[in-house]
C-alpha atoms as a PDB file:
ATOM      1  CA  UNK A   1      44.814  32.913  86.641  1.00  0.00           C
ATOM      2  CA  UNK A   2      47.687  31.252  88.496  1.00  0.00           C
ATOM      3  CA  UNK A   3      50.859  33.373  88.490  1.00  0.00           C
ATOM      4  CA  UNK A   4      53.178  30.494  89.494  1.00  0.00           C
ATOM      5  CA  UNK A   5      55.617  29.386  86.819  1.00  0.00           C
ATOM      6  CA  UNK A   6      54.518  26.284  84.981  1.00  0.00           C
ATOM      7  CA  UNK A   7      57.115  23.477  85.123  1.00  0.00           C
ATOM      8  CA  UNK A   8      57.945  21.214  82.194  1.00  0.00           C
ATOM      9  CA  UNK A   9      56.475  18.151  83.935  1.00  0.00           C
ATOM     10  CA  UNK A  10      53.292  19.886  85.110  1.00  0.00           C
ATOM     11  CA  UNK A  11      50.053  19.334  83.241  1.00  0.00           C
ATOM     12  CA  UNK A  12      49.654  21.807  80.407  1.00  0.00           C
ATOM     13  CA  UNK A  13      47.455  24.837  81.053  1.00  0.00           C
ATOM     14  CA  UNK A  14      45.578  24.329  77.767  1.00  0.00           C
ATOM     15  CA  UNK A  15      43.631  21.390  79.200  1.00  0.00           C
ATOM     16  CA  UNK A  16      44.946  18.700  76.848  1.00  0.00           C
ATOM     17  CA  UNK A  17      45.938  16.429  79.722  1.00  0.00           C
ATOM     18  CA  UNK A  18      49.513  16.229  78.457  1.00  0.00           C
ATOM     19  CA  UNK A  19      52.613  17.419  80.228  1.00  0.00           C
ATOM     20  CA  UNK A  20      53.633  20.952  79.326  1.00  0.00           C
ATOM     21  CA  UNK A  21      56.918  19.742  77.742  1.00  0.00           C
ATOM     22  CA  UNK A  22      54.952  17.544  75.296  1.00  0.00           C
ATOM     23  CA  UNK A  23      52.266  20.094  74.510  1.00  0.00           C
ATOM     24  CA  UNK A  24      52.676  23.872  74.515  1.00  0.00           C
ATOM     25  CA  UNK A  25      56.333  24.293  75.535  1.00  0.00           C
ATOM     26  CA  UNK A  26      57.440  24.083  71.888  1.00  0.00           C
ATOM     27  CA  UNK A  27      55.475  27.286  71.227  1.00  0.00           C
ATOM     28  CA  UNK A  28      57.443  29.403  73.702  1.00  0.00           C
ATOM     29  CA  UNK A  29      59.890  32.015  72.400  1.00  0.00           C
ATOM     30  CA  UNK A  30      62.820  30.500  74.308  1.00  0.00           C
ATOM     31  CA  UNK A  31      62.304  27.099  72.693  1.00  0.00           C
ATOM     32  CA  UNK A  32      62.005  28.604  69.221  1.00  0.00           C
ATOM     33  CA  UNK A  33      65.176  30.626  69.762  1.00  0.00           C
ATOM     34  CA  UNK A  34      67.089  27.583  71.020  1.00  0.00           C
ATOM     35  CA  UNK A  35      65.901  25.520  68.054  1.00  0.00           C
ATOM     36  CA  UNK A  36      66.962  28.290  65.628  1.00  0.00           C
ATOM     37  CA  UNK A  37      70.491  28.453  67.073  1.00  0.00           C
ATOM     38  CA  UNK A  38      70.779  24.672  67.121  1.00  0.00           C
ATOM     39  CA  UNK A  39      69.979  24.594  63.391  1.00  0.00           C
ATOM     40  CA  UNK A  40      72.510  27.376  62.684  1.00  0.00           C
ATOM     41  CA  UNK A  41      75.267  25.582  64.620  1.00  0.00           C
ATOM     42  CA  UNK A  42      74.457  22.244  62.964  1.00  0.00           C
ATOM     43  CA  UNK A  43      74.635  23.861  59.511  1.00  0.00           C
ATOM     44  CA  UNK A  44      78.009  25.416  60.364  1.00  0.00           C
ATOM     45  CA  UNK A  45      79.343  22.045  61.529  1.00  0.00           C
ATOM     46  CA  UNK A  46      78.124  20.326  58.359  1.00  0.00           C
ATOM     47  CA  UNK A  47      79.737  23.029  56.186  1.00  0.00           C
ATOM     48  CA  UNK A  48      82.997  22.701  58.141  1.00  0.00           C
ATOM     49  CA  UNK A  49      83.053  18.931  57.693  1.00  0.00           C
ATOM     50  CA  UNK A  50      82.300  19.295  53.978  1.00  0.00           C
ATOM     51  CA  UNK A  51      85.147  21.816  53.598  1.00  0.00           C
ATOM     52  CA  UNK A  52      87.491  19.467  55.453  1.00  0.00           C
ATOM     53  CA  UNK A  53      86.572  16.541  53.227  1.00  0.00           C
ATOM     54  CA  UNK A  54      86.993  18.701  50.122  1.00  0.00           C
ATOM     55  CA  UNK A  55      90.471  19.770  51.240  1.00  0.00           C
ATOM     56  CA  UNK A  56      91.548  16.146  51.553  1.00  0.00           C
ATOM     57  CA  UNK A  57      90.157  15.268  48.118  1.00  0.00           C
ATOM     58  CA  UNK A  58      92.212  17.856  46.222  1.00  0.00           C
ATOM     59  CA  UNK A  59      95.934  17.639  45.607  1.00  0.00           C
ATOM     60  CA  UNK A  60      96.551  21.388  45.524  1.00  0.00           C
ATOM     61  CA  UNK A  61      97.785  21.403  41.926  1.00  0.00           C
ATOM     62  CA  UNK A  62      95.427  24.235  41.000  1.00  0.00           C
ATOM     63  CA  UNK A  63      93.845  22.250  38.182  1.00  0.00           C
ATOM     64  CA  UNK A  64      90.782  21.239  40.135  1.00  0.00           C
ATOM     65  CA  UNK A  65      92.510  18.121  41.428  1.00  0.00           C
ATOM     66  CA  UNK A  66      92.411  16.296  38.069  1.00  0.00           C
ATOM     67  CA  UNK A  67      95.364  13.932  37.843  1.00  0.00           C
ATOM     68  CA  UNK A  68      96.352  11.727  34.931  1.00  0.00           C
ATOM     69  CA  UNK A  69      98.714   8.746  35.184  1.00  0.00           C
ATOM     70  CA  UNK A  70     101.601   8.798  32.741  1.00  0.00           C
ATOM     71  CA  UNK A  71     102.879   5.316  31.835  1.00  0.00           C
ATOM     72  CA  UNK A  72     105.861   6.866  30.073  1.00  0.00           C
ATOM     73  CA  UNK A  73     107.035   8.723  33.156  1.00  0.00           C
ATOM     74  CA  UNK A  74     105.649   6.467  35.909  1.00  0.00           C
ATOM     75  CA  UNK A  75     103.901   9.222  37.882  1.00  0.00           C
ATOM     76  CA  UNK A  76     100.857  11.481  37.847  1.00  0.00           C
ATOM     77  CA  UNK A  77     100.536  14.760  35.931  1.00  0.00           C
ATOM     78  CA  UNK A  78      97.937  17.450  36.406  1.00  0.00           C
ATOM     79  CA  UNK A  79      95.790  18.761  33.547  1.00  0.00           C
ATOM     80  CA  UNK A  80      98.542  21.217  32.523  1.00  0.00           C
ATOM     81  CA  UNK A  81     101.205  18.482  32.249  1.00  0.00           C
ATOM     82  CA  UNK A  82     103.099  19.320  35.447  1.00  0.00           C
ATOM     83  CA  UNK A  83     104.257  16.330  37.514  1.00  0.00           C
ATOM     84  CA  UNK A  84     102.224  15.838  40.690  1.00  0.00           C
ATOM     85  CA  UNK A  85     103.647  13.997  43.728  1.00  0.00           C
END
């Protein structure tokens, strides 16, 4: 068995005729670990963006952001009747 490190662009040792990066590299522990952390970071970014969008969609009135237009007063009120800017 050859003890030299197999490069990504070398032919795979399994005999498939493919380059190592297209064949068996995905089965290495380093690649699995990198893929796991990439998924974790992507999920955190998506949750952060969703939280940011949610913060812009609420008016901070404490009533879940529900606003009702009052024709009598000419401005919005929240669900409890308090004027909302």
